[in-house]
């Protein structure tokens, strides 16, 4: 999706410091024990589950943006 010139001009001086943790591919590595990742078969299964968990978290973010009427519908800087 192409970003509109209005949004670029409106947010060019916007400085948001705490935009959150980039957790793509790191959710299970940060929350589960390292013992769980010793078996390669189990690691492959957990990696597949992690893609689904990441997908669900991103959808929750989009729902939060949808119900927050103070930000535009395509706002991406939400925690």
N, C-alpha and C. Protein backbone atom coordinates (compact mmCIF):
# COMPACT_ATOMS: atom_id res chain seq x y z
N UNK A 1 0.84 -1.17 0.00
CA UNK A 1 0.00 0.00 0.00
C UNK A 1 0.89 1.24 0.00
N UNK A 2 0.61 2.15 -0.88
CA UNK A 2 1.39 3.36 -1.00
C UNK A 2 0.97 4.36 0.07
N UNK A 3 1.95 4.95 0.73
CA UNK A 3 1.66 5.91 1.79
C UNK A 3 1.32 7.26 1.18
N UNK A 4 0.30 7.91 1.72
CA UNK A 4 -0.13 9.19 1.15
C UNK A 4 0.84 10.30 1.52
N UNK A 5 0.89 11.31 0.69
CA UNK A 5 1.77 12.45 0.94
C UNK A 5 1.34 13.24 2.17
N UNK A 6 0.03 13.24 2.45
CA UNK A 6 -0.45 13.93 3.65
C UNK A 6 0.11 13.28 4.90
N UNK A 7 0.10 11.96 4.95
CA UNK A 7 0.62 11.25 6.13
C UNK A 7 2.12 11.47 6.29
N UNK A 8 2.84 11.50 5.18
CA UNK A 8 4.28 11.74 5.25
C UNK A 8 4.56 13.14 5.79
N UNK A 9 3.84 14.13 5.27
CA UNK A 9 4.04 15.50 5.72
C UNK A 9 3.59 15.69 7.17
N UNK A 10 2.54 15.01 7.56
CA UNK A 10 2.00 15.16 8.91
C UNK A 10 2.91 14.53 9.96
N UNK A 11 3.57 13.44 9.61
CA UNK A 11 4.36 12.72 10.60
C UNK A 11 5.87 12.89 10.41
N UNK A 12 6.31 13.87 9.65
CA UNK A 12 7.74 13.98 9.38
C UNK A 12 8.52 14.44 10.58
N UNK A 13 7.91 15.17 11.50
CA UNK A 13 8.61 15.62 12.70
C UNK A 13 8.19 14.85 13.94
N UNK A 14 7.41 13.83 13.75
CA UNK A 14 6.94 13.02 14.87
C UNK A 14 8.08 12.17 15.43
N UNK A 15 8.29 12.25 16.71
CA UNK A 15 9.35 11.48 17.35
C UNK A 15 8.74 10.64 18.47
N UNK A 16 8.63 9.36 18.21
CA UNK A 16 8.09 8.43 19.20
C UNK A 16 9.25 7.56 19.68
N UNK A 17 9.57 7.64 20.94
CA UNK A 17 10.73 6.93 21.48
C UNK A 17 10.43 5.49 21.84
N UNK A 18 9.38 5.24 22.57
CA UNK A 18 9.09 3.90 23.09
C UNK A 18 8.04 3.22 22.23
N UNK A 19 8.46 2.65 21.11
CA UNK A 19 7.50 2.01 20.21
C UNK A 19 7.40 0.51 20.45
N UNK A 20 8.09 0.00 21.43
CA UNK A 20 7.95 -1.41 21.79
C UNK A 20 9.09 -2.28 21.31
N UNK A 21 8.98 -3.54 21.63
CA UNK A 21 10.01 -4.53 21.33
C UNK A 21 9.70 -5.22 20.02
N UNK A 22 10.69 -5.38 19.17
CA UNK A 22 10.51 -6.12 17.93
C UNK A 22 10.59 -7.61 18.25
N UNK A 23 9.47 -8.26 18.35
CA UNK A 23 9.41 -9.63 18.84
C UNK A 23 9.18 -10.64 17.74
N UNK A 24 9.32 -10.27 16.49
CA UNK A 24 9.13 -11.22 15.40
C UNK A 24 10.25 -12.26 15.44
N UNK A 25 9.88 -13.51 15.63
CA UNK A 25 10.86 -14.59 15.71
C UNK A 25 11.52 -14.74 17.06
N UNK A 26 11.09 -14.00 18.07
CA UNK A 26 11.74 -14.04 19.38
C UNK A 26 10.77 -14.31 20.53
N UNK A 27 9.52 -14.53 20.24
CA UNK A 27 8.53 -14.67 21.31
C UNK A 27 8.82 -15.89 22.17
N UNK A 28 8.95 -17.05 21.54
CA UNK A 28 9.19 -18.27 22.31
C UNK A 28 10.61 -18.33 22.86
N UNK A 29 11.57 -17.77 22.15
CA UNK A 29 12.96 -17.78 22.64
C UNK A 29 13.10 -16.96 23.92
N UNK A 30 12.30 -15.92 24.05
CA UNK A 30 12.36 -15.08 25.25
C UNK A 30 11.51 -15.62 26.40
N UNK A 31 10.47 -16.39 26.09
CA UNK A 31 9.54 -16.81 27.15
C UNK A 31 9.71 -18.25 27.59
N UNK A 32 10.19 -19.12 26.71
CA UNK A 32 10.34 -20.53 27.07
C UNK A 32 11.77 -20.83 27.52
N UNK A 33 11.93 -21.96 28.15
CA UNK A 33 13.24 -22.40 28.60
C UNK A 33 14.10 -22.81 27.40
N UNK A 34 15.40 -22.62 27.52
CA UNK A 34 16.30 -23.01 26.44
C UNK A 34 16.35 -24.54 26.28
N UNK A 35 15.92 -25.25 27.29
CA UNK A 35 15.86 -26.71 27.22
C UNK A 35 14.87 -27.17 26.14
N UNK A 36 13.83 -26.38 25.90
CA UNK A 36 12.83 -26.72 24.89
C UNK A 36 13.40 -26.70 23.48
N UNK A 37 14.47 -25.97 23.26
CA UNK A 37 15.03 -25.81 21.93
C UNK A 37 16.22 -26.73 21.65
N UNK A 38 16.48 -27.70 22.52
CA UNK A 38 17.60 -28.60 22.30
C UNK A 38 17.28 -29.66 21.24
N UNK A 39 16.05 -30.07 21.13
CA UNK A 39 15.64 -31.06 20.14
C UNK A 39 15.28 -30.36 18.83
N UNK A 40 15.90 -30.71 17.71
CA UNK A 40 15.61 -30.02 16.44
C UNK A 40 14.18 -30.19 15.95
N UNK A 41 13.58 -31.34 16.23
CA UNK A 41 12.19 -31.56 15.82
C UNK A 41 11.26 -30.64 16.59
N UNK A 42 11.46 -30.55 17.89
CA UNK A 42 10.64 -29.68 18.72
C UNK A 42 10.85 -28.22 18.35
N UNK A 43 12.09 -27.85 18.00
CA UNK A 43 12.37 -26.48 17.59
C UNK A 43 11.62 -26.12 16.32
N UNK A 44 11.55 -27.05 15.37
CA UNK A 44 10.81 -26.79 14.14
C UNK A 44 9.32 -26.60 14.42
N UNK A 45 8.78 -27.40 15.32
CA UNK A 45 7.36 -27.27 15.67
C UNK A 45 7.11 -25.94 16.38
N UNK A 46 7.99 -25.57 17.30
CA UNK A 46 7.83 -24.30 18.00
C UNK A 46 7.96 -23.11 17.07
N UNK A 47 8.80 -23.21 16.06
CA UNK A 47 8.92 -22.13 15.09
C UNK A 47 7.63 -21.95 14.29
N UNK A 48 6.98 -23.05 13.97
CA UNK A 48 5.68 -22.93 13.28
C UNK A 48 4.62 -22.31 14.18
N UNK A 49 4.60 -22.72 15.44
CA UNK A 49 3.65 -22.12 16.38
C UNK A 49 3.94 -20.63 16.58
N UNK A 50 5.20 -20.30 16.56
CA UNK A 50 5.57 -18.90 16.80
C UNK A 50 5.06 -17.99 15.69
N UNK A 51 5.03 -18.47 14.46
CA UNK A 51 4.49 -17.64 13.39
C UNK A 51 3.01 -17.36 13.61
N UNK A 52 2.28 -18.33 14.14
CA UNK A 52 0.87 -18.12 14.43
C UNK A 52 0.67 -17.16 15.61
N UNK A 53 1.50 -17.31 16.63
CA UNK A 53 1.39 -16.42 17.79
C UNK A 53 1.71 -14.98 17.37
N UNK A 54 2.72 -14.80 16.55
CA UNK A 54 3.05 -13.47 16.05
C UNK A 54 1.90 -12.90 15.23
N UNK A 55 1.29 -13.73 14.39
CA UNK A 55 0.15 -13.29 13.60
C UNK A 55 -1.00 -12.82 14.49
N UNK A 56 -1.29 -13.58 15.55
CA UNK A 56 -2.38 -13.21 16.45
C UNK A 56 -2.09 -11.91 17.19
N UNK A 57 -0.85 -11.71 17.61
CA UNK A 57 -0.50 -10.47 18.31
C UNK A 57 -0.64 -9.27 17.37
N UNK A 58 -0.24 -9.43 16.13
CA UNK A 58 -0.39 -8.34 15.17
C UNK A 58 -1.85 -8.03 14.90
N UNK A 59 -2.70 -9.02 14.88
CA UNK A 59 -4.13 -8.79 14.67
C UNK A 59 -4.75 -8.07 15.86
N UNK A 60 -4.29 -8.36 17.06
CA UNK A 60 -4.77 -7.64 18.24
C UNK A 60 -4.39 -6.16 18.13
N UNK A 61 -3.19 -5.91 17.62
CA UNK A 61 -2.78 -4.51 17.42
C UNK A 61 -3.68 -3.81 16.42
N UNK A 62 -4.06 -4.50 15.37
CA UNK A 62 -4.94 -3.85 14.39
C UNK A 62 -6.33 -3.61 14.96
N UNK A 63 -6.80 -4.49 15.83
CA UNK A 63 -8.09 -4.28 16.49
C UNK A 63 -8.00 -3.09 17.43
N UNK A 64 -6.90 -2.96 18.14
CA UNK A 64 -6.72 -1.80 19.03
C UNK A 64 -6.72 -0.51 18.23
N UNK A 65 -6.11 -0.51 17.07
CA UNK A 65 -6.10 0.68 16.22
C UNK A 65 -7.50 0.96 15.69
N UNK A 66 -8.25 -0.06 15.35
CA UNK A 66 -9.60 0.11 14.81
C UNK A 66 -10.53 0.77 15.83
N UNK A 67 -10.44 0.38 17.08
CA UNK A 67 -11.33 0.92 18.09
C UNK A 67 -10.82 2.21 18.73
N UNK A 68 -9.61 2.61 18.44
CA UNK A 68 -9.08 3.87 18.95
C UNK A 68 -9.41 4.95 17.94
N UNK A 69 -10.37 5.78 18.23
CA UNK A 69 -10.84 6.78 17.27
C UNK A 69 -9.92 7.99 17.18
N UNK A 70 -8.87 8.07 17.99
CA UNK A 70 -8.00 9.24 17.95
C UNK A 70 -6.84 9.09 16.97
N UNK A 71 -6.68 7.91 16.37
CA UNK A 71 -5.60 7.69 15.40
C UNK A 71 -6.22 7.27 14.07
N UNK A 72 -5.52 7.51 12.96
CA UNK A 72 -6.03 7.05 11.66
C UNK A 72 -6.10 5.53 11.58
N UNK A 73 -6.89 5.02 10.66
CA UNK A 73 -7.09 3.57 10.59
C UNK A 73 -5.86 2.80 10.13
N UNK A 74 -4.93 3.46 9.46
CA UNK A 74 -3.71 2.78 9.01
C UNK A 74 -2.50 3.13 9.86
N UNK A 75 -2.71 3.51 11.10
CA UNK A 75 -1.63 3.87 12.03
C UNK A 75 -0.88 2.61 12.44
N UNK A 76 0.45 2.66 12.35
CA UNK A 76 1.24 1.45 12.63
C UNK A 76 2.15 1.58 13.83
N UNK A 77 2.16 2.69 14.51
CA UNK A 77 3.10 2.90 15.61
C UNK A 77 2.46 2.63 16.96
N UNK A 78 1.65 1.61 17.04
CA UNK A 78 0.99 1.28 18.31
C UNK A 78 1.76 0.14 18.97
N UNK A 79 1.82 0.17 20.30
CA UNK A 79 2.53 -0.89 21.04
C UNK A 79 1.70 -2.13 21.10
